[in-house]
PDB file of all heavy atoms in Angstrom:
ATOM      1  N   PHE A   1     224.765 112.341   9.776  1.00  0.00           N
ATOM      2  CA  PHE A   1     225.032 112.817  11.125  1.00  0.00           C
ATOM      3  C   PHE A   1     225.032 111.639  12.066  1.00  0.00           C
ATOM      4  O   PHE A   1     224.426 110.609  11.812  1.00  0.00           O
ATOM      5  CB  PHE A   1     224.032 113.878  11.581  1.00  0.00           C
ATOM      6  CG  PHE A   1     222.635 113.363  11.785  1.00  0.00           C
ATOM      7  CD1 PHE A   1     222.241 112.859  13.010  1.00  0.00           C
ATOM      8  CD2 PHE A   1     221.725 113.398  10.742  1.00  0.00           C
ATOM      9  CE1 PHE A   1     220.955 112.383  13.188  1.00  0.00           C
ATOM     10  CE2 PHE A   1     220.438 112.922  10.925  1.00  0.00           C
ATOM     11  CZ  PHE A   1     220.049 112.418  12.147  1.00  0.00           C
ATOM     12  N   GLY A   2     225.734 111.807  13.150  1.00  0.00           N
ATOM     13  CA  GLY A   2     225.760 110.825  14.228  1.00  0.00           C
ATOM     14  C   GLY A   2     225.424 111.559  15.494  1.00  0.00           C
ATOM     15  O   GLY A   2     224.424 112.262  15.584  1.00  0.00           O
ATOM     16  N   ARG A   3     226.326 111.494  16.447  1.00  0.00           N
ATOM     17  CA  ARG A   3     226.105 112.197  17.707  1.00  0.00           C
ATOM     18  C   ARG A   3     226.192 113.702  17.539  1.00  0.00           C
ATOM     19  O   ARG A   3     225.705 114.449  18.375  1.00  0.00           O
ATOM     20  CB  ARG A   3     227.126 111.738  18.738  1.00  0.00           C
ATOM     21  CG  ARG A   3     226.918 110.321  19.171  1.00  0.00           C
ATOM     22  CD  ARG A   3     227.885 109.922  20.243  1.00  0.00           C
ATOM     23  NE  ARG A   3     227.701 108.523  20.581  1.00  0.00           N
ATOM     24  CZ  ARG A   3     228.587 107.810  21.225  1.00  0.00           C
ATOM     25  NH1 ARG A   3     229.721 108.349  21.612  1.00  0.00           N
ATOM     26  NH2 ARG A   3     228.357 106.546  21.494  1.00  0.00           N
ATOM     27  N   GLN A   4     226.809 114.149  16.450  1.00  0.00           N
ATOM     28  CA  GLN A   4     226.940 115.588  16.200  1.00  0.00           C
ATOM     29  C   GLN A   4     225.585 116.272  16.082  1.00  0.00           C
ATOM     30  O   GLN A   4     225.417 117.395  16.486  1.00  0.00           O
ATOM     31  CB  GLN A   4     227.694 115.824  14.890  1.00  0.00           C
ATOM     32  CG  GLN A   4     229.167 115.948  15.038  1.00  0.00           C
ATOM     33  CD  GLN A   4     229.809 116.143  13.675  1.00  0.00           C
ATOM     34  OE1 GLN A   4     229.814 115.241  12.868  1.00  0.00           O
ATOM     35  NE2 GLN A   4     230.331 117.310  13.442  1.00  0.00           N
ATOM     36  N   LYS A   5     224.647 115.598  15.464  1.00  0.00           N
ATOM     37  CA  LYS A   5     223.290 116.106  15.251  1.00  0.00           C
ATOM     38  C   LYS A   5     223.233 117.398  14.444  1.00  0.00           C
ATOM     39  O   LYS A   5     222.278 118.143  14.506  1.00  0.00           O
ATOM     40  CB  LYS A   5     222.575 116.333  16.588  1.00  0.00           C
ATOM     41  CG  LYS A   5     222.457 115.116  17.448  1.00  0.00           C
ATOM     42  CD  LYS A   5     221.404 114.183  16.946  1.00  0.00           C
ATOM     43  CE  LYS A   5     221.102 113.109  17.951  1.00  0.00           C
ATOM     44  NZ  LYS A   5     221.559 111.806  17.583  1.00  0.00           N
ATOM     45  N   GLY A   6     224.257 117.707  13.681  1.00  0.00           N
ATOM     46  CA  GLY A   6     224.240 118.924  12.879  1.00  0.00           C
ATOM     47  C   GLY A   6     224.533 120.149  13.722  1.00  0.00           C
ATOM     48  O   GLY A   6     224.943 120.058  14.865  1.00  0.00           O
ATOM     49  N   HIS A   7     224.306 121.306  13.124  1.00  0.00           N
ATOM     50  CA  HIS A   7     224.547 122.556  13.830  1.00  0.00           C
ATOM     51  C   HIS A   7     223.723 123.674  13.205  1.00  0.00           C
ATOM     52  O   HIS A   7     223.136 123.507  12.154  1.00  0.00           O
ATOM     53  CB  HIS A   7     226.041 122.908  13.803  1.00  0.00           C
ATOM     54  CG  HIS A   7     226.588 123.070  12.424  1.00  0.00           C
ATOM     55  ND1 HIS A   7     227.017 122.002  11.674  1.00  0.00           N
ATOM     56  CD2 HIS A   7     226.767 124.168  11.656  1.00  0.00           C
ATOM     57  CE1 HIS A   7     227.443 122.436  10.490  1.00  0.00           C
ATOM     58  NE2 HIS A   7     227.292 123.743  10.458  1.00  0.00           N
ATOM     59  N   THR A   8     223.674 124.817  13.866  1.00  0.00           N
ATOM     60  CA  THR A   8     222.921 125.968  13.388  1.00  0.00           C
ATOM     61  C   THR A   8     223.890 126.972  12.768  1.00  0.00           C
ATOM     62  O   THR A   8     224.970 127.211  13.300  1.00  0.00           O
ATOM     63  CB  THR A   8     222.171 126.635  14.557  1.00  0.00           C
ATOM     64  OG1 THR A   8     221.335 125.652  15.163  1.00  0.00           O
ATOM     65  CG2 THR A   8     221.315 127.778  14.076  1.00  0.00           C
ATOM     66  N   GLU A   9     223.508 127.520  11.613  1.00  0.00           N
ATOM     67  CA  GLU A   9     224.330 128.525  10.947  1.00  0.00           C
ATOM     68  C   GLU A   9     223.501 129.779  10.696  1.00  0.00           C
ATOM     69  O   GLU A   9     222.281 129.733  10.619  1.00  0.00           O
ATOM     70  CB  GLU A   9     224.872 127.992   9.617  1.00  0.00           C
ATOM     71  CG  GLU A   9     225.952 126.955   9.788  1.00  0.00           C
ATOM     72  CD  GLU A   9     226.611 126.575   8.472  1.00  0.00           C
ATOM     73  OE1 GLU A   9     226.271 127.170   7.429  1.00  0.00           O
ATOM     74  OE2 GLU A   9     227.466 125.688   8.500  1.00  0.00           O
ATOM     75  N   LEU A  10     224.193 130.889  10.551  1.00  0.00           N
ATOM     76  CA  LEU A  10     223.560 132.166  10.260  1.00  0.00           C
ATOM     77  C   LEU A  10     223.926 132.551   8.836  1.00  0.00           C
ATOM     78  O   LEU A  10     225.109 132.599   8.479  1.00  0.00           O
ATOM     79  CB  LEU A  10     224.071 133.226  11.248  1.00  0.00           C
ATOM     80  CG  LEU A  10     223.275 134.520  11.333  1.00  0.00           C
ATOM     81  CD1 LEU A  10     221.841 134.227  11.792  1.00  0.00           C
ATOM     82  CD2 LEU A  10     223.948 135.472  12.300  1.00  0.00           C
ATOM     83  N   TYR A  11     222.912 132.783   7.975  1.00  0.00           N
ATOM     84  CA  TYR A  11     223.162 133.153   6.590  1.00  0.00           C
ATOM     85  C   TYR A  11     222.276 134.335   6.231  1.00  0.00           C
ATOM     86  O   TYR A  11     221.050 134.234   6.280  1.00  0.00           O
ATOM     87  CB  TYR A  11     222.882 131.974   5.663  1.00  0.00           C
ATOM     88  CG  TYR A  11     223.110 132.272   4.205  1.00  0.00           C
ATOM     89  CD1 TYR A  11     224.392 132.439   3.708  1.00  0.00           C
ATOM     90  CD2 TYR A  11     222.038 132.411   3.330  1.00  0.00           C
ATOM     91  CE1 TYR A  11     224.618 132.717   2.376  1.00  0.00           C
ATOM     92  CE2 TYR A  11     222.243 132.683   2.001  1.00  0.00           C
ATOM     93  CZ  TYR A  11     223.527 132.842   1.522  1.00  0.00           C
ATOM     94  OH  TYR A  11     223.745 133.119   0.197  1.00  0.00           O
ATOM     95  N   ARG A  12     222.887 135.454   5.919  1.00  0.00           N
ATOM     96  CA  ARG A  12     222.169 136.689   5.568  1.00  0.00           C
ATOM     97  C   ARG A  12     221.106 137.049   6.606  1.00  0.00           C
ATOM     98  O   ARG A  12     219.965 137.369   6.280  1.00  0.00           O
ATOM     99  CB  ARG A  12     221.546 136.577   4.183  1.00  0.00           C
ATOM    100  CG  ARG A  12     222.588 136.464   3.103  1.00  0.00           C
ATOM    101  CD  ARG A  12     221.969 136.559   1.741  1.00  0.00           C
ATOM    102  NE  ARG A  12     223.010 136.424   0.737  1.00  0.00           N
ATOM    103  CZ  ARG A  12     222.903 136.858  -0.493  1.00  0.00           C
ATOM    104  NH1 ARG A  12     221.790 137.450  -0.895  1.00  0.00           N
ATOM    105  NH2 ARG A  12     223.879 136.688  -1.339  1.00  0.00           N
ATOM    106  N   GLY A  13     221.484 136.916   7.849  1.00  0.00           N
ATOM    107  CA  GLY A  13     220.600 137.309   8.938  1.00  0.00           C
ATOM    108  C   GLY A  13     219.580 136.261   9.340  1.00  0.00           C
ATOM    109  O   GLY A  13     218.881 136.444  10.330  1.00  0.00           O
ATOM    110  N   ALA A  14     219.492 135.162   8.583  1.00  0.00           N
ATOM    111  CA  ALA A  14     218.529 134.112   8.925  1.00  0.00           C
ATOM    112  C   ALA A  14     219.268 132.917   9.508  1.00  0.00           C
ATOM    113  O   ALA A  14     220.322 132.535   9.017  1.00  0.00           O
ATOM    114  CB  ALA A  14     217.745 133.687   7.686  1.00  0.00           C
ATOM    115  N   GLU A  15     218.697 132.365  10.542  1.00  0.00           N
ATOM    116  CA  GLU A  15     219.293 131.197  11.181  1.00  0.00           C
ATOM    117  C   GLU A  15     218.666 129.938  10.600  1.00  0.00           C
ATOM    118  O   GLU A  15     217.458 129.861  10.419  1.00  0.00           O
ATOM    119  CB  GLU A  15     219.021 131.270  12.690  1.00  0.00           C
ATOM    120  CG  GLU A  15     219.921 130.390  13.512  1.00  0.00           C
ATOM    121  CD  GLU A  15     219.712 130.618  14.997  1.00  0.00           C
ATOM    122  OE1 GLU A  15     220.357 131.529  15.551  1.00  0.00           O
ATOM    123  OE2 GLU A  15     218.901 129.883  15.575  1.00  0.00           O
ATOM    124  N   TYR A  16     219.500 128.958  10.259  1.00  0.00           N
ATOM    125  CA  TYR A  16     218.959 127.695   9.785  1.00  0.00           C
ATOM    126  C   TYR A  16     219.803 126.544  10.301  1.00  0.00           C
ATOM    127  O   TYR A  16     220.954 126.707  10.664  1.00  0.00           O
ATOM    128  CB  TYR A  16     218.854 127.669   8.253  1.00  0.00           C
ATOM    129  CG  TYR A  16     220.178 127.697   7.530  1.00  0.00           C
ATOM    130  CD1 TYR A  16     220.738 126.526   7.032  1.00  0.00           C
ATOM    131  CD2 TYR A  16     220.867 128.888   7.327  1.00  0.00           C
ATOM    132  CE1 TYR A  16     221.947 126.546   6.378  1.00  0.00           C
ATOM    133  CE2 TYR A  16     222.074 128.918   6.664  1.00  0.00           C
ATOM    134  CZ  TYR A  16     222.609 127.744   6.182  1.00  0.00           C
ATOM    135  OH  TYR A  16     223.813 127.759   5.526  1.00  0.00           O
ATOM    136  N   VAL A  17     219.187 125.366  10.326  1.00  0.00           N
ATOM    137  CA  VAL A  17     219.837 124.179  10.882  1.00  0.00           C
ATOM    138  C   VAL A  17     220.439 123.351   9.747  1.00  0.00           C
ATOM    139  O   VAL A  17     219.774 123.072   8.753  1.00  0.00           O
ATOM    140  CB  VAL A  17     218.824 123.323  11.673  1.00  0.00           C
ATOM    141  CG1 VAL A  17     219.462 122.038  12.169  1.00  0.00           C
ATOM    142  CG2 VAL A  17     218.261 124.124  12.828  1.00  0.00           C
ATOM    143  N   VAL A  18     221.691 122.976   9.904  1.00  0.00           N
ATOM    144  CA  VAL A  18     222.355 122.081   8.969  1.00  0.00           C
ATOM    145  C   VAL A  18     222.294 120.694   9.610  1.00  0.00           C
ATOM    146  O   VAL A  18     223.053 120.395  10.527  1.00  0.00           O
ATOM    147  CB  VAL A  18     223.821 122.510   8.722  1.00  0.00           C
ATOM    148  CG1 VAL A  18     224.511 121.532   7.794  1.00  0.00           C
ATOM    149  CG2 VAL A  18     223.874 123.920   8.176  1.00  0.00           C
ATOM    150  N   ASP A  19     221.342 119.875   9.138  1.00  0.00           N
ATOM    151  CA  ASP A  19     221.132 118.551   9.728  1.00  0.00           C
ATOM    152  C   ASP A  19     222.188 117.541   9.282  1.00  0.00           C
ATOM    153  O   ASP A  19     222.593 116.684  10.044  1.00  0.00           O
ATOM    154  CB  ASP A  19     219.757 118.002   9.352  1.00  0.00           C
ATOM    155  CG  ASP A  19     218.636 118.736  10.055  1.00  0.00           C
ATOM    156  OD1 ASP A  19     218.884 119.270  11.150  1.00  0.00           O
ATOM    157  OD2 ASP A  19     217.531 118.777   9.510  1.00  0.00           O
ATOM    158  N   PHE A  20     222.577 117.625   8.028  1.00  0.00           N
ATOM    159  CA  PHE A  20     223.499 116.642   7.473  1.00  0.00           C
ATOM    160  C   PHE A  20     224.863 117.275   7.253  1.00  0.00           C
ATOM    161  O   PHE A  20     224.993 118.267   6.565  1.00  0.00           O
ATOM    162  CB  PHE A  20     222.953 116.073   6.164  1.00  0.00           C
ATOM    163  CG  PHE A  20     221.665 115.315   6.363  1.00  0.00           C
ATOM    164  CD1 PHE A  20     220.461 115.860   5.975  1.00  0.00           C
ATOM    165  CD2 PHE A  20     221.675 114.067   6.957  1.00  0.00           C
ATOM    166  CE1 PHE A  20     219.279 115.166   6.163  1.00  0.00           C
ATOM    167  CE2 PHE A  20     220.498 113.373   7.160  1.00  0.00           C
ATOM    168  CZ  PHE A  20     219.302 113.915   6.752  1.00  0.00           C
ATOM    169  N   ILE A  21     225.869 116.659   7.843  1.00  0.00           N
ATOM    170  CA  ILE A  21     227.239 117.148   7.788  1.00  0.00           C
ATOM    171  C   ILE A  21     227.954 116.478   6.610  1.00  0.00           C
ATOM    172  O   ILE A  21     227.864 115.260   6.446  1.00  0.00           O
ATOM    173  CB  ILE A  21     227.995 116.806   9.098  1.00  0.00           C
ATOM    174  CG1 ILE A  21     227.196 117.228  10.322  1.00  0.00           C
ATOM    175  CG2 ILE A  21     229.391 117.392   9.100  1.00  0.00           C
ATOM    176  CD1 ILE A  21     226.943 118.693  10.438  1.00  0.00           C
ATOM    177  N   PRO A  22     228.694 117.244   5.784  1.00  0.00           N
ATOM    178  CA  PRO A  22     229.452 116.627   4.684  1.00  0.00           C
ATOM    179  C   PRO A  22     230.553 115.711   5.229  1.00  0.00           C
ATOM    180  O   PRO A  22     231.283 116.089   6.145  1.00  0.00           O
ATOM    181  CB  PRO A  22     230.065 117.813   3.947  1.00  0.00           C
ATOM    182  CG  PRO A  22     229.407 119.030   4.469  1.00  0.00           C
ATOM    183  CD  PRO A  22     228.823 118.695   5.803  1.00  0.00           C
ATOM    184  N   LYS A  23     230.649 114.524   4.670  1.00  0.00           N
ATOM    185  CA  LYS A  23     231.657 113.533   5.054  1.00  0.00           C
ATOM    186  C   LYS A  23     232.194 112.867   3.797  1.00  0.00           C
ATOM    187  O   LYS A  23     231.658 113.038   2.711  1.00  0.00           O
ATOM    188  CB  LYS A  23     231.059 112.453   5.965  1.00  0.00           C
ATOM    189  CG  LYS A  23     230.493 112.958   7.277  1.00  0.00           C
ATOM    190  CD  LYS A  23     231.570 113.380   8.228  1.00  0.00           C
ATOM    191  CE  LYS A  23     230.961 113.805   9.562  1.00  0.00           C
ATOM    192  NZ  LYS A  23     231.960 114.147  10.538  1.00  0.00           N
ATOM    193  N   ILE A  24     233.230 112.069   3.976  1.00  0.00           N
ATOM    194  CA  ILE A  24     233.793 111.261   2.905  1.00  0.00           C
ATOM    195  C   ILE A  24     233.619 109.798   3.289  1.00  0.00           C
ATOM    196  O   ILE A  24     233.910 109.411   4.421  1.00  0.00           O
ATOM    197  CB  ILE A  24     235.298 111.558   2.687  1.00  0.00           C
ATOM    198  CG1 ILE A  24     235.504 112.990   2.200  1.00  0.00           C
ATOM    199  CG2 ILE A  24     235.931 110.556   1.735  1.00  0.00           C
ATOM    200  CD1 ILE A  24     234.972 113.281   0.811  1.00  0.00           C
ATOM    201  N   LYS A  25     233.153 108.993   2.339  1.00  0.00           N
ATOM    202  CA  LYS A  25     233.013 107.557   2.577  1.00  0.00           C
ATOM    203  C   LYS A  25     234.052 106.829   1.727  1.00  0.00           C
ATOM    204  O   LYS A  25     234.114 107.014   0.517  1.00  0.00           O
ATOM    205  CB  LYS A  25     231.619 107.080   2.191  1.00  0.00           C
ATOM    206  CG  LYS A  25     231.408 105.587   2.390  1.00  0.00           C
ATOM    207  CD  LYS A  25     229.991 105.218   1.999  1.00  0.00           C
ATOM    208  CE  LYS A  25     229.732 103.743   2.196  1.00  0.00           C
ATOM    209  NZ  LYS A  25     228.358 103.396   1.777  1.00  0.00           N
ATOM    210  N   LEU A  26     234.879 106.027   2.395  1.00  0.00           N
ATOM    211  CA  LEU A  26     235.866 105.200   1.721  1.00  0.00           C
ATOM    212  C   LEU A  26     235.376 103.763   1.706  1.00  0.00           C
ATOM    213  O   LEU A  26     234.849 103.276   2.713  1.00  0.00           O
ATOM    214  CB  LEU A  26     237.207 105.235   2.466  1.00  0.00           C
ATOM    215  CG  LEU A  26     237.836 106.590   2.731  1.00  0.00           C
ATOM    216  CD1 LEU A  26     239.089 106.416   3.581  1.00  0.00           C
ATOM    217  CD2 LEU A  26     238.181 107.275   1.438  1.00  0.00           C
ATOM    218  N   GLU A  27     235.532 103.091   0.588  1.00  0.00           N
ATOM    219  CA  GLU A  27     235.223 101.666   0.490  1.00  0.00           C
ATOM    220  C   GLU A  27     236.483 100.968   0.008  1.00  0.00           C
ATOM    221  O   GLU A  27     237.046 101.331  -1.019  1.00  0.00           O
ATOM    222  CB  GLU A  27     234.065 101.424  -0.470  1.00  0.00           C
ATOM    223  CG  GLU A  27     232.759 102.025   0.022  1.00  0.00           C
ATOM    224  CD  GLU A  27     231.648 101.931  -0.995  1.00  0.00           C
ATOM    225  OE1 GLU A  27     231.775 102.579  -2.047  1.00  0.00           O
ATOM    226  OE2 GLU A  27     230.680 101.198  -0.745  1.00  0.00           O
ATOM    227  N   ILE A  28     236.924  99.969   0.772  1.00  0.00           N
ATOM    228  CA  ILE A  28     238.182  99.297   0.488  1.00  0.00           C
ATOM    229  C   ILE A  28     237.972  97.796   0.622  1.00  0.00           C
ATOM    230  O   ILE A  28     237.607  97.314   1.702  1.00  0.00           O
ATOM    231  CB  ILE A  28     239.281  99.747   1.474  1.00  0.00           C
ATOM    232  CG1 ILE A  28     239.355 101.266   1.523  1.00  0.00           C
ATOM    233  CG2 ILE A  28     240.620  99.139   1.112  1.00  0.00           C
ATOM    234  CD1 ILE A  28     239.949 101.817   2.789  1.00  0.00           C
ATOM    235  N   ALA A  29     238.197  97.059  -0.457  1.00  0.00           N
ATOM    236  CA  ALA A  29     238.116  95.602  -0.417  1.00  0.00           C
ATOM    237  C   ALA A  29     239.522  95.068  -0.168  1.00  0.00           C
ATOM    238  O   ALA A  29     240.458  95.419  -0.888  1.00  0.00           O
ATOM    239  CB  ALA A  29     237.565  95.066  -1.731  1.00  0.00           C
ATOM    240  N   VAL A  30     239.673  94.235   0.868  1.00  0.00           N
ATOM    241  CA  VAL A  30     240.999  93.720   1.224  1.00  0.00           C
ATOM    242  C   VAL A  30     240.933  92.234   1.583  1.00  0.00           C
ATOM    243  O   VAL A  30     239.876  91.711   1.930  1.00  0.00           O
ATOM    244  CB  VAL A  30     241.627  94.490   2.412  1.00  0.00           C
ATOM    245  CG1 VAL A  30     241.864  95.933   2.062  1.00  0.00           C
ATOM    246  CG2 VAL A  30     240.780  94.371   3.652  1.00  0.00           C
ATOM    247  N   ASN A  31     242.095  91.593   1.501  1.00  0.00           N
ATOM    248  CA  ASN A  31     242.227  90.217   1.975  1.00  0.00           C
ATOM    249  C   ASN A  31     242.133  90.223   3.497  1.00  0.00           C
ATOM    250  O   ASN A  31     242.472  91.212   4.145  1.00  0.00           O
ATOM    251  CB  ASN A  31     243.564  89.631   1.540  1.00  0.00           C
ATOM    252  CG  ASN A  31     243.695  89.583   0.032  1.00  0.00           C
ATOM    253  OD1 ASN A  31     242.707  89.384  -0.668  1.00  0.00           O
ATOM    254  ND2 ASN A  31     244.892  89.773  -0.460  1.00  0.00           N
TER     255      ASN A  31
END
């Protein structure tokens, strides 16, 4: 997470916080 700080979701009537957001990390070696 960065400035997003995660978000709150509702699952089967219970509220919970999703702290870590799924992302993709690319690594590229270049000249």
